[in-house]
Amino acid sequence: MKYNLKGMLTGAALAVFATPLFTTTAMAGGITIDLAGEPATMDPHKQWNPTSYYVYRNIFDNILTRDNDGQIMGQIATSWNQASDSTLELTIREGVTFHDGEALEPSDVVFSVKRITNPDFGSPQLGQFNKIVDASADGNVVTLTTDGPYPALMAQLVKLSIVPEHVVEAVGDDAFNAAPVGSGAYAFTEWDRGVSVTLTSNDNYWGDKGPFDTAVFRAVPDEATRVADLQAGTADLVVSINSDAAAQLASDSAVIVLSAPTERVGYMGLNLDKPPFNNKEMRRAASLAIDRLGITEGLLQAGEIPMAQMASPAHFGYNPDVPAFEYNLDAAKAITAANPDLAATPATLATAPVFDQRIVQALQQMLNDAGFNISISMTDMPTYLGIVRSDPAENSELSFGRWSCACQDADGIAYPVLHSASNWSRVNVPELDAFLETARASLDTEVRQAAYNEVHQIVRDNYYTLPLYQAAVLYGATAGLAFEPTANESMFLNRMTMSK
């Protein structure tokens, strides 16, 4: 089914968009980008995953952003002042318009903050913003009030997108998701479900204009097809390629391979409420069975580093002194042999096409070699996200994931994955919750680091989740495309250039 901007608007909303004010010019022509799957959503408050983020980050402006070196800079907020430990004042940029021509007002910022922090709205990102308890506007200044100090607030605001209150209120959440309206460098044009999303350059953009008149993001789950598209010239940029594909592309002078270490941590999530992994010894056996160095050096080969904590060197809160996990297949086999009924319990490993299936298959083989009974369940990304966020009874026994918060602070990864209040977490340990809360509530960096040190050690000692590696990202691109990959994996079209 196809959705487009005009087709989704009826009634009162139609008058709002009857005459879009953005126009296009033929700059460097269009760009075609092959993703590993279809975006789960176009509403930036509805989901947080790479295939969605790659697209909607170009449609919407955020309160703050980061430059390519990772430094926080203004976007919709031009300046800010920490008025007290629990209040942040943001001066809102003037002269910004949404794609329907309506001005972006401070009230839209307040609306966006209250929308994403409303528990009834049910944003999967709620855990990253729920320290915000109020937002208000006075003239051109928006004040955010937090429940006590929140040192990671600035880092989190780099991904809080501004949506137009008048549009969302007029059409409702579902229609807004199908035909989103933002203020970014590119405007939504069409979503051909299961096939592609098309964006059009916004010539009225307040900042750097996009160099492409159109951008088409295609859903291409098969990696070999993405690589073939790039080599055939039918795609200009492809994402989620592995080292084998990168080696194949390296011999083609018409294309280039781009890479960067990321803040993303690859990990295996465990359902602590279901056998066999509700048993600590079985979790230890699973960890002993996984050859993390074999995965990073034997399979990935793009600079990945084995991890033993839910943080990476790109995060504040990373502890370089956490001991590495041991690989000992014989010890793993001894544990499963001593617990034959638990080891024989069928367990499903959930995954989606966006992930490197070589890793998933290697994890399955390693665990089964140790005596487990693991099968793989492959679904599309939206279904996968629903599974890993479901109640324990409906959740899979295992899941493979790569978590990133694009905030470069351990609060954005450890809290959602490990705190009992998060709908991503399968962990319910009061001691762990207390340390996570201390780390997100203190303005003292030493106190925060000490708390994260405790978090990492508790998780490691109890195998509550199994971190695997710090991920690197690999892209294939046509040789004329200038694109700088970043640790937060943002894909800003208006920071690219194309030479023919």
Protein backbone atom coordinates (compact mmCIF):
# COMPACT_ATOMS: atom_id res chain seq x y z
CA MET A 1 0.00 0.00 0.00
CA LYS A 2 1.24 3.46 -0.84
CA TYR A 3 0.86 6.49 1.36
CA ASN A 4 1.60 10.02 0.26
CA LEU A 5 1.28 13.41 1.84
CA LYS A 6 -1.88 14.48 0.00
CA GLY A 7 -3.64 11.15 0.18
CA MET A 8 -3.49 10.90 3.96
CA LEU A 9 -5.05 14.27 4.73
CA THR A 10 -8.76 14.79 5.04
CA GLY A 11 -11.21 17.16 6.68
CA ALA A 12 -9.69 19.89 8.79
CA ALA A 13 -6.19 18.65 8.10
CA LEU A 14 -6.59 19.11 4.36
CA ALA A 15 -6.74 22.85 4.71
CA VAL A 16 -3.47 22.83 6.59
CA PHE A 17 -1.58 21.24 3.70
CA ALA A 18 -3.50 22.29 0.63
CA THR A 19 -0.57 24.35 -0.65
CA PRO A 20 2.82 23.01 0.49
CA LEU A 21 5.33 25.83 0.51
CA PHE A 22 8.51 23.84 0.00
CA THR A 23 9.92 23.56 -3.53
CA THR A 24 12.68 21.55 -5.12
CA THR A 25 15.59 22.22 -7.39
CA ALA A 26 17.74 19.82 -9.37
CA MET A 27 21.04 19.98 -7.51
CA ALA A 28 23.09 16.79 -7.58
CA GLY A 29 20.06 14.84 -8.80
CA GLY A 30 18.63 12.14 -6.57
CA ILE A 31 20.24 9.65 -4.23
CA THR A 32 19.14 6.06 -3.69
CA ILE A 33 19.98 4.38 -0.40
CA ASP A 34 19.49 0.67 0.25
CA LEU A 35 18.56 -0.15 3.85
CA ALA A 36 18.47 -3.61 5.39
CA GLY A 37 14.75 -3.35 6.03
CA GLU A 38 11.71 -1.14 6.00
CA PRO A 39 11.46 1.63 8.60
CA ALA A 40 9.29 0.58 11.52
CA THR A 41 7.89 4.09 11.74
CA MET A 42 8.17 7.59 10.35
CA ASP A 43 7.08 9.13 13.66
CA PRO A 44 10.29 10.04 15.51
CA HIS A 45 8.63 9.57 18.89
CA LYS A 46 7.34 6.10 18.07
CA GLN A 47 10.48 4.07 17.58
CA TRP A 48 14.24 4.00 17.93
CA ASN A 49 16.01 1.73 15.45
CA PRO A 50 18.49 2.28 12.59
CA THR A 51 16.18 1.75 9.62
CA SER A 52 13.70 4.29 10.95
CA TYR A 53 16.31 6.74 12.23
CA TYR A 54 18.21 6.87 8.93
CA VAL A 55 15.08 8.20 7.26
CA TYR A 56 13.18 10.33 9.75
CA ARG A 57 16.28 12.11 11.05
CA ASN A 58 16.29 14.00 7.72
CA ILE A 59 12.61 14.94 8.00
CA PHE A 60 12.79 16.39 11.51
CA ASP A 61 14.99 18.80 13.38
CA ASN A 62 15.97 17.94 16.93
CA ILE A 63 16.36 20.25 19.91
CA LEU A 64 20.13 19.73 19.71
CA THR A 65 22.43 17.76 17.42
CA ARG A 66 26.05 16.68 17.15
CA ASP A 67 28.63 17.63 14.59
CA ASN A 68 30.61 14.95 12.80
CA ASP A 69 33.20 15.02 15.60
CA GLY A 70 30.53 14.22 18.17
CA GLN A 71 30.33 17.65 19.77
CA ILE A 72 26.89 18.88 20.88
CA MET A 73 25.63 21.86 18.90
CA GLY A 74 22.40 23.76 18.55
CA GLN A 75 19.63 22.91 16.12
CA ILE A 76 16.15 24.11 17.09
CA ALA A 77 17.67 25.43 20.31
CA THR A 78 20.32 28.05 19.55
CA SER A 79 21.58 28.41 23.12
CA TRP A 80 20.91 26.96 26.54
CA ASN A 81 21.37 27.74 30.19
CA GLN A 82 21.38 25.35 33.14
CA ALA A 83 19.40 27.64 35.41
CA SER A 84 19.46 25.15 38.31
CA ASP A 85 20.22 21.51 38.93
CA SER A 86 16.74 20.63 37.65
CA THR A 87 15.91 23.34 35.09
CA LEU A 88 17.35 23.84 31.63
CA GLU A 89 16.44 26.94 29.61
CA LEU A 90 16.53 26.65 25.81
CA THR A 91 16.39 29.61 23.43
CA ILE A 92 14.40 28.52 20.38
CA ARG A 93 15.54 29.37 16.87
CA GLU A 94 13.40 31.92 15.05
CA GLY A 95 12.40 31.74 11.39
CA VAL A 96 12.01 27.95 11.20
CA THR A 97 9.03 26.63 9.25
CA PHE A 98 7.52 23.20 8.98
CA HIS A 99 7.10 21.61 5.56
CA ASP A 100 3.52 22.88 5.36
CA GLY A 101 4.75 26.47 5.73
CA GLU A 102 3.59 26.97 9.30
CA ALA A 103 6.10 28.50 11.71
CA LEU A 104 7.80 26.28 14.28
CA GLU A 105 6.96 27.83 17.63
CA PRO A 106 8.27 27.28 21.17
CA SER A 107 4.89 25.67 21.84
CA ASP A 108 5.78 22.94 19.34
CA VAL A 109 8.89 22.18 21.37
CA VAL A 110 6.81 21.97 24.55
CA PHE A 111 4.26 19.74 22.78
CA SER A 112 7.00 17.42 21.48
CA VAL A 113 8.60 17.05 24.90
CA LYS A 114 5.28 16.36 26.61
CA ARG A 115 4.25 13.92 23.88
CA ILE A 116 7.33 11.72 24.12
CA THR A 117 7.33 11.80 27.94
CA ASN A 118 3.64 10.96 28.28
CA PRO A 119 3.47 7.35 29.53
CA ASP A 120 0.09 6.91 27.84
CA PHE A 121 1.68 7.68 24.47
CA GLY A 122 3.91 4.66 25.00
CA SER A 123 7.10 5.79 23.30
CA PRO A 124 9.83 3.13 23.29
CA GLN A 125 12.19 6.06 24.02
CA LEU A 126 10.40 6.98 27.24
CA GLY A 127 13.15 5.63 29.48
CA GLN A 128 15.60 8.07 27.95
CA PHE A 129 13.41 11.11 28.61
CA ASN A 130 11.34 10.24 31.66
CA LYS A 131 13.49 12.35 33.96
CA ILE A 132 11.80 15.34 32.29
CA VAL A 133 8.70 16.14 34.35
CA ASP A 134 7.61 19.41 32.75
CA ALA A 135 8.14 21.72 29.78
CA SER A 136 6.91 25.30 29.46
CA ALA A 137 7.42 28.26 27.16
CA ASP A 138 7.87 31.92 28.02
CA GLY A 139 8.35 33.98 24.90
CA ASN A 140 11.16 32.38 22.91
CA VAL A 141 12.52 30.36 25.83
CA VAL A 142 11.48 26.80 26.66
CA THR A 143 12.23 25.56 30.16
CA LEU A 144 12.63 21.85 30.82
CA THR A 145 12.20 20.70 34.40
CA THR A 146 13.69 17.39 35.47
CA ASP A 147 13.05 15.18 38.47
CA GLY A 148 16.27 16.26 40.15
CA PRO A 149 19.61 16.61 38.36
CA TYR A 150 19.91 14.77 35.06
CA PRO A 151 23.48 14.97 33.75
CA ALA A 152 22.67 13.11 30.53
CA LEU A 153 19.89 15.52 29.52
CA MET A 154 21.90 17.46 26.93
CA ALA A 155 23.15 14.22 25.40
CA GLN A 156 19.60 12.88 25.16
CA LEU A 157 18.19 16.06 23.59
CA VAL A 158 20.29 15.45 20.48
CA LYS A 159 17.64 12.92 19.44
CA LEU A 160 14.43 14.58 20.62
CA SER A 161 12.68 15.58 17.39
CA ILE A 162 10.25 18.47 17.09
CA VAL A 163 6.86 17.62 15.60
CA PRO A 164 4.16 20.17 14.65
CA GLU A 165 1.43 20.30 17.25
CA HIS A 166 -1.16 21.58 14.76
CA VAL A 167 -0.62 18.62 12.43
CA VAL A 168 -0.49 15.86 15.03
CA GLU A 169 -3.60 17.20 16.75
CA ALA A 170 -5.45 17.52 13.43
CA VAL A 171 -4.71 14.11 11.91
CA GLY A 172 -3.87 11.87 14.88
CA ASP A 173 -0.86 9.70 15.59
CA ASP A 174 -1.49 7.00 12.97
CA ALA A 175 -2.01 9.40 10.08
CA PHE A 176 0.98 11.44 11.18
CA ASN A 177 3.15 8.33 11.13
CA ALA A 178 1.96 7.53 7.59
CA ALA A 179 2.60 11.07 6.30
CA PRO A 180 4.95 12.90 8.67
CA VAL A 181 5.57 16.65 8.58
CA GLY A 182 8.76 18.06 10.02
CA SER A 183 11.04 21.05 9.62
CA GLY A 184 14.15 19.23 8.43
CA ALA A 185 16.25 19.52 5.32
CA TYR A 186 14.06 16.94 3.55
CA ALA A 187 10.28 16.59 3.40
CA PHE A 188 8.32 13.37 3.28
CA THR A 189 6.84 12.59 -0.15
CA GLU A 190 5.75 8.94 -0.28
CA TRP A 191 5.91 5.68 1.63
CA ASP A 192 5.41 2.64 -0.59
CA ARG A 193 5.00 0.05 2.14
CA GLY A 194 7.53 -2.73 1.99
CA VAL A 195 9.39 -1.04 -0.88
CA SER A 196 10.68 2.47 -0.26
CA VAL A 197 10.33 5.90 1.33
CA THR A 198 10.88 8.98 -0.82
CA LEU A 199 11.93 12.38 0.51
CA THR A 200 12.19 15.70 -1.32
CA SER A 201 14.63 18.52 -0.64
CA ASN A 202 13.23 21.43 1.38
CA ASP A 203 14.54 24.59 -0.27
CA ASN A 204 13.09 26.69 2.55
CA TYR A 205 15.27 24.96 5.12
CA TRP A 206 16.82 27.36 7.62
CA GLY A 207 20.18 25.55 7.64
CA ASP A 208 22.43 23.87 5.09
CA LYS A 209 20.33 22.73 2.14
CA GLY A 210 20.36 19.13 1.02
CA PRO A 211 22.44 18.50 -2.10
CA PHE A 212 19.98 16.01 -3.63
CA ASP A 213 16.60 16.91 -5.07
CA THR A 214 15.17 13.56 -3.92
CA ALA A 215 16.27 10.75 -1.63
CA VAL A 216 14.84 7.25 -1.97
CA PHE A 217 15.37 4.83 0.92
CA ARG A 218 14.69 1.28 -0.26
CA ALA A 219 14.04 -1.81 1.86
CA VAL A 220 16.48 -4.46 0.62
CA PRO A 221 16.83 -7.17 3.28
CA ASP A 222 19.27 -9.31 1.31
CA GLU A 223 22.83 -8.06 1.73
CA ALA A 224 24.03 -9.59 -1.55
CA THR A 225 21.30 -7.67 -3.37
CA ARG A 226 22.34 -4.41 -1.70
CA VAL A 227 25.92 -4.97 -2.80
CA ALA A 228 24.83 -5.88 -6.34
CA ASP A 229 22.68 -2.74 -6.50
CA LEU A 230 25.66 -0.60 -5.58
CA GLN A 231 27.93 -2.23 -8.13
CA ALA A 232 25.26 -1.96 -10.81
CA GLY A 233 24.82 1.74 -10.10
CA THR A 234 21.17 1.42 -9.05
CA ALA A 235 22.03 2.40 -5.46
CA ASP A 236 24.37 5.18 -4.34
CA LEU A 237 24.76 4.15 -0.71
CA VAL A 238 24.14 0.81 1.03
CA VAL A 239 24.12 0.13 4.75
CA SER A 240 24.63 -2.91 7.00
CA ILE A 241 27.28 -4.67 4.98
CA ASN A 242 29.75 -7.08 6.53
CA SER A 243 33.50 -7.49 6.08
CA ASP A 244 33.09 -10.07 3.31
CA ALA A 245 30.99 -7.65 1.29
CA ALA A 246 33.45 -4.86 2.04
CA ALA A 247 36.29 -7.00 0.71
CA GLN A 248 34.27 -7.70 -2.44
CA LEU A 249 33.67 -3.97 -2.97
CA ALA A 250 37.30 -3.04 -2.30
CA SER A 251 38.31 -4.36 -5.73
CA ASP A 252 35.74 -2.20 -7.54
CA SER A 253 37.11 1.23 -8.44
CA ALA A 254 33.59 2.59 -8.97
CA VAL A 255 32.68 2.23 -5.30
CA ILE A 256 34.19 2.92 -1.90
CA VAL A 257 33.83 1.37 1.54
CA LEU A 258 33.31 3.71 4.50
CA SER A 259 33.62 2.68 8.15
CA ALA A 260 33.72 4.01 11.70
CA PRO A 261 33.71 2.62 15.23
CA THR A 262 30.34 3.26 16.84
CA GLU A 263 28.87 3.61 20.32
CA ARG A 264 26.70 0.58 19.56
CA VAL A 265 27.11 -2.56 21.65
CA GLY A 266 26.23 -5.92 20.15
CA TYR A 267 24.70 -8.16 22.79
CA MET A 268 22.56 -11.19 23.40
CA GLY A 269 19.50 -10.49 25.52
CA LEU A 270 18.27 -13.17 27.90
CA ASN A 271 14.74 -13.80 29.13
CA LEU A 272 15.35 -14.12 32.86
CA ASP A 273 11.77 -15.32 33.50
CA LYS A 274 11.86 -18.41 31.29
CA PRO A 275 13.94 -21.58 31.35
CA PRO A 276 16.69 -22.22 30.69
CA PHE A 277 18.07 -18.71 31.29
CA ASN A 278 16.18 -18.02 34.49
CA ASN A 279 18.99 -20.13 35.96
CA LYS A 280 22.28 -18.30 36.64
CA GLU A 281 24.43 -21.36 35.94
CA MET A 282 22.80 -21.79 32.54
CA ARG A 283 23.44 -18.13 31.77
CA ARG A 284 27.06 -18.64 32.76
CA ALA A 285 27.25 -21.64 30.48
CA ALA A 286 25.90 -19.58 27.60
CA SER A 287 28.53 -16.92 28.21
CA LEU A 288 31.33 -19.50 28.44
CA ALA A 289 30.17 -20.99 25.13
CA ILE A 290 30.51 -17.71 23.19
CA ASP A 291 33.85 -17.03 21.55
CA ARG A 292 33.70 -13.23 21.40
CA LEU A 293 37.19 -12.89 19.95
CA GLY A 294 36.32 -15.43 17.28
CA ILE A 295 33.26 -13.36 16.37
CA THR A 296 35.11 -10.04 16.18
CA GLU A 297 38.30 -11.25 14.52
CA GLY A 298 37.07 -14.28 12.63
CA LEU A 299 33.72 -13.01 11.36
CA LEU A 300 33.40 -9.24 11.62
CA GLN A 301 36.97 -8.09 10.92
CA ALA A 302 36.12 -4.38 10.83
CA GLY A 303 37.71 -3.21 14.06
CA GLU A 304 35.10 -4.51 16.50
CA ILE A 305 36.24 -4.99 20.12
CA PRO A 306 34.93 -7.69 22.50
CA MET A 307 32.86 -6.15 25.32
CA ALA A 308 31.95 -7.33 28.81
CA GLN A 309 29.63 -4.42 29.71
CA MET A 310 26.65 -2.57 28.29
CA ALA A 311 28.76 0.44 27.33
CA SER A 312 31.54 1.07 24.84
CA PRO A 313 34.65 3.28 24.85
CA ALA A 314 32.51 5.87 23.03
CA HIS A 315 30.31 6.30 26.14
CA PHE A 316 30.80 8.20 29.35
CA GLY A 317 30.45 5.55 32.02
CA TYR A 318 32.54 2.89 30.27
CA ASN A 319 34.88 1.06 32.63
CA PRO A 320 38.05 -0.26 30.97
CA ASP A 321 38.82 -2.40 34.03
CA VAL A 322 35.83 -4.75 33.74
CA PRO A 323 37.35 -8.21 33.14
CA ALA A 324 36.72 -9.80 29.77
CA PHE A 325 34.34 -12.73 29.61
CA GLU A 326 36.03 -16.13 29.52
CA TYR A 327 35.56 -18.49 26.58
CA ASN A 328 35.64 -22.12 27.75
CA LEU A 329 33.54 -24.56 25.77
CA ASP A 330 34.44 -27.52 27.98
CA ALA A 331 33.28 -25.66 31.10
CA ALA A 332 30.04 -24.74 29.33
CA LYS A 333 29.46 -28.37 28.37
CA ALA A 334 30.04 -29.46 31.96
CA ILE A 335 27.30 -27.12 33.18
CA THR A 336 24.76 -28.24 30.57
CA ALA A 337 25.61 -31.90 31.23
CA ALA A 338 24.87 -31.33 34.91
CA ASN A 339 21.51 -29.73 34.01
CA PRO A 340 20.22 -31.88 31.13
CA ASP A 341 16.55 -30.96 31.42
CA LEU A 342 17.26 -27.22 31.37
CA ALA A 343 19.77 -27.60 28.54
CA ALA A 344 17.23 -29.51 26.44
CA THR A 345 14.57 -26.85 26.88
CA PRO A 346 13.81 -25.40 23.42
CA ALA A 347 14.89 -21.75 23.24
CA THR A 348 14.36 -19.26 20.43
CA LEU A 349 16.91 -16.66 19.35
CA ALA A 350 15.04 -13.69 17.87
CA THR A 351 16.62 -11.68 15.07
CA ALA A 352 15.81 -9.44 12.10
CA PRO A 353 17.39 -8.86 8.65
CA VAL A 354 19.11 -5.65 9.75
CA PHE A 355 21.49 -7.72 11.86
CA ASP A 356 24.47 -9.65 10.55
CA GLN A 357 23.08 -13.16 10.36
CA ARG A 358 26.57 -14.68 10.37
CA ILE A 359 26.77 -13.61 14.01
CA VAL A 360 23.33 -14.95 14.83
CA GLN A 361 24.12 -18.29 13.23
CA ALA A 362 27.50 -18.42 14.99
CA LEU A 363 25.81 -17.78 18.35
CA GLN A 364 23.31 -20.54 17.67
CA GLN A 365 26.06 -22.99 16.75
CA MET A 366 28.23 -22.08 19.75
CA LEU A 367 25.34 -22.53 22.16
CA ASN A 368 24.17 -25.78 20.59
CA ASP A 369 27.76 -27.09 20.60
CA ALA A 370 27.69 -26.47 24.35
CA GLY A 371 24.55 -28.57 24.73
CA PHE A 372 21.72 -26.04 24.42
CA ASN A 373 18.69 -26.43 22.15
CA ILE A 374 18.56 -23.12 20.27
CA SER A 375 16.60 -22.28 17.14
CA ILE A 376 16.59 -18.99 15.23
CA SER A 377 13.43 -16.93 14.66
CA MET A 378 13.82 -14.39 11.82
CA THR A 379 11.12 -11.72 11.49
CA ASP A 380 10.90 -8.27 9.96
CA MET A 381 12.17 -5.42 12.12
CA PRO A 382 8.79 -4.14 13.39
CA THR A 383 7.81 -7.66 14.49
CA TYR A 384 11.20 -8.23 16.09
CA LEU A 385 10.91 -4.98 18.04
CA GLY A 386 7.49 -6.03 19.25
CA ILE A 387 8.89 -9.36 20.45
CA VAL A 388 11.81 -7.94 22.41
CA ARG A 389 9.57 -5.36 24.08
CA SER A 390 6.82 -7.82 25.00
CA ASP A 391 6.04 -9.24 28.41
CA PRO A 392 8.37 -12.06 29.51
CA ALA A 393 5.77 -14.74 28.83
CA GLU A 394 5.53 -13.70 25.18
CA ASN A 395 9.18 -12.75 24.75
CA SER A 396 11.75 -15.02 23.15
CA GLU A 397 14.27 -16.81 25.34
CA LEU A 398 17.13 -15.06 23.55
CA SER A 399 17.50 -12.09 21.25
CA PHE A 400 20.38 -10.60 19.34
CA GLY A 401 20.59 -6.82 19.30
CA ARG A 402 22.94 -3.89 18.84
CA TRP A 403 22.02 -1.01 21.15
CA SER A 404 22.86 2.61 20.52
CA CYS A 405 21.41 5.75 22.06
CA ALA A 406 23.22 8.27 19.81
CA CYS A 407 23.92 10.11 23.07
CA GLN A 408 27.39 8.75 23.95
CA ASP A 409 26.44 8.39 27.61
CA ALA A 410 25.97 5.07 29.38
CA ASP A 411 22.60 6.29 30.66
CA GLY A 412 21.25 5.86 27.13
CA ILE A 413 22.23 2.21 26.89
CA ALA A 414 22.50 0.75 30.40
CA TYR A 415 19.28 2.27 31.74
CA PRO A 416 16.88 1.10 28.98
CA VAL A 417 18.41 -2.37 28.75
CA LEU A 418 18.85 -3.02 32.47
CA HIS A 419 16.46 -0.94 34.59
CA SER A 420 13.28 -2.70 35.70
CA ALA A 421 11.10 0.28 34.69
CA SER A 422 12.14 0.04 31.03
CA ASN A 423 10.01 -1.96 28.61
CA TRP A 424 13.21 -3.06 26.87
CA SER A 425 14.61 -4.61 30.07
CA ARG A 426 14.24 -8.19 31.25
CA VAL A 427 16.11 -7.42 34.48
CA ASN A 428 14.42 -6.67 37.80
CA VAL A 429 17.12 -6.20 40.44
CA PRO A 430 16.60 -3.43 43.04
CA GLU A 431 20.33 -3.05 43.71
CA LEU A 432 20.99 -2.57 40.01
CA ASP A 433 18.12 -0.10 39.69
CA ALA A 434 19.56 1.94 42.57
CA PHE A 435 22.97 2.28 40.92
CA LEU A 436 21.41 3.18 37.57
CA GLU A 437 19.30 5.84 39.26
CA THR A 438 22.32 7.26 41.08
CA ALA A 439 24.25 7.45 37.82
CA ARG A 440 21.48 9.34 36.04
CA ALA A 441 20.77 11.72 38.93
CA SER A 442 24.18 12.99 40.01
CA LEU A 443 26.02 15.93 38.47
CA ASP A 444 29.27 14.62 39.96
CA THR A 445 31.07 12.69 37.23
CA GLU A 446 33.03 10.66 39.78
CA VAL A 447 29.82 9.55 41.50
CA ARG A 448 28.31 8.65 38.14
CA GLN A 449 31.35 6.66 37.03
CA ALA A 450 31.48 4.78 40.32
CA ALA A 451 27.82 3.85 39.97
CA TYR A 452 28.33 2.58 36.42
CA ASN A 453 31.33 0.58 37.57
CA GLU A 454 29.01 -1.21 40.01
CA VAL A 455 26.36 -1.70 37.30
CA HIS A 456 28.82 -3.27 34.89
CA GLN A 457 30.22 -5.60 37.55
CA ILE A 458 26.79 -6.75 38.79
CA VAL A 459 25.66 -7.51 35.25
CA ARG A 460 28.87 -9.33 34.47
CA ASP A 461 28.83 -11.39 37.68
CA ASN A 462 25.22 -12.48 37.17
CA TYR A 463 25.12 -12.68 33.35
CA TYR A 464 21.89 -10.66 33.27
CA THR A 465 22.63 -9.88 29.65
CA LEU A 466 25.57 -10.95 27.51
CA PRO A 467 27.49 -8.07 25.91
CA LEU A 468 29.46 -9.22 22.89
CA TYR A 469 31.34 -6.41 21.14
CA GLN A 470 31.60 -2.72 20.30
CA ALA A 471 30.28 -2.52 16.77
CA ALA A 472 31.86 -0.87 13.80
CA VAL A 473 29.70 0.32 10.93
CA LEU A 474 30.41 -0.40 7.27
CA TYR A 475 28.81 1.34 4.30
CA GLY A 476 29.29 0.88 0.59
CA ALA A 477 29.03 4.02 -1.55
CA THR A 478 29.47 5.15 -5.10
CA ALA A 479 32.93 6.66 -5.51
CA GLY A 480 31.55 10.17 -6.05
CA LEU A 481 29.70 10.31 -2.71
CA ALA A 482 31.31 12.23 0.15
CA PHE A 483 29.84 10.96 3.41
CA GLU A 484 31.53 10.86 6.80
CA PRO A 485 30.30 8.03 9.07
CA THR A 486 30.02 8.92 12.74
CA ALA A 487 29.97 7.06 16.04
CA ASN A 488 26.27 7.85 16.51
CA GLU A 489 25.45 6.49 13.02
CA SER A 490 23.52 9.53 11.89
CA MET A 491 22.97 9.80 8.15
CA PHE A 492 22.43 13.49 7.44
CA LEU A 493 21.74 13.97 3.74
CA ASN A 494 22.58 17.67 3.96
CA ARG A 495 26.09 16.82 5.16
CA MET A 496 26.81 14.79 2.02
CA THR A 497 28.00 15.85 -1.40
CA MET A 498 28.02 14.01 -4.72
CA SER A 499 30.35 14.46 -7.65
CA LYS A 500 29.55 12.79 -10.94
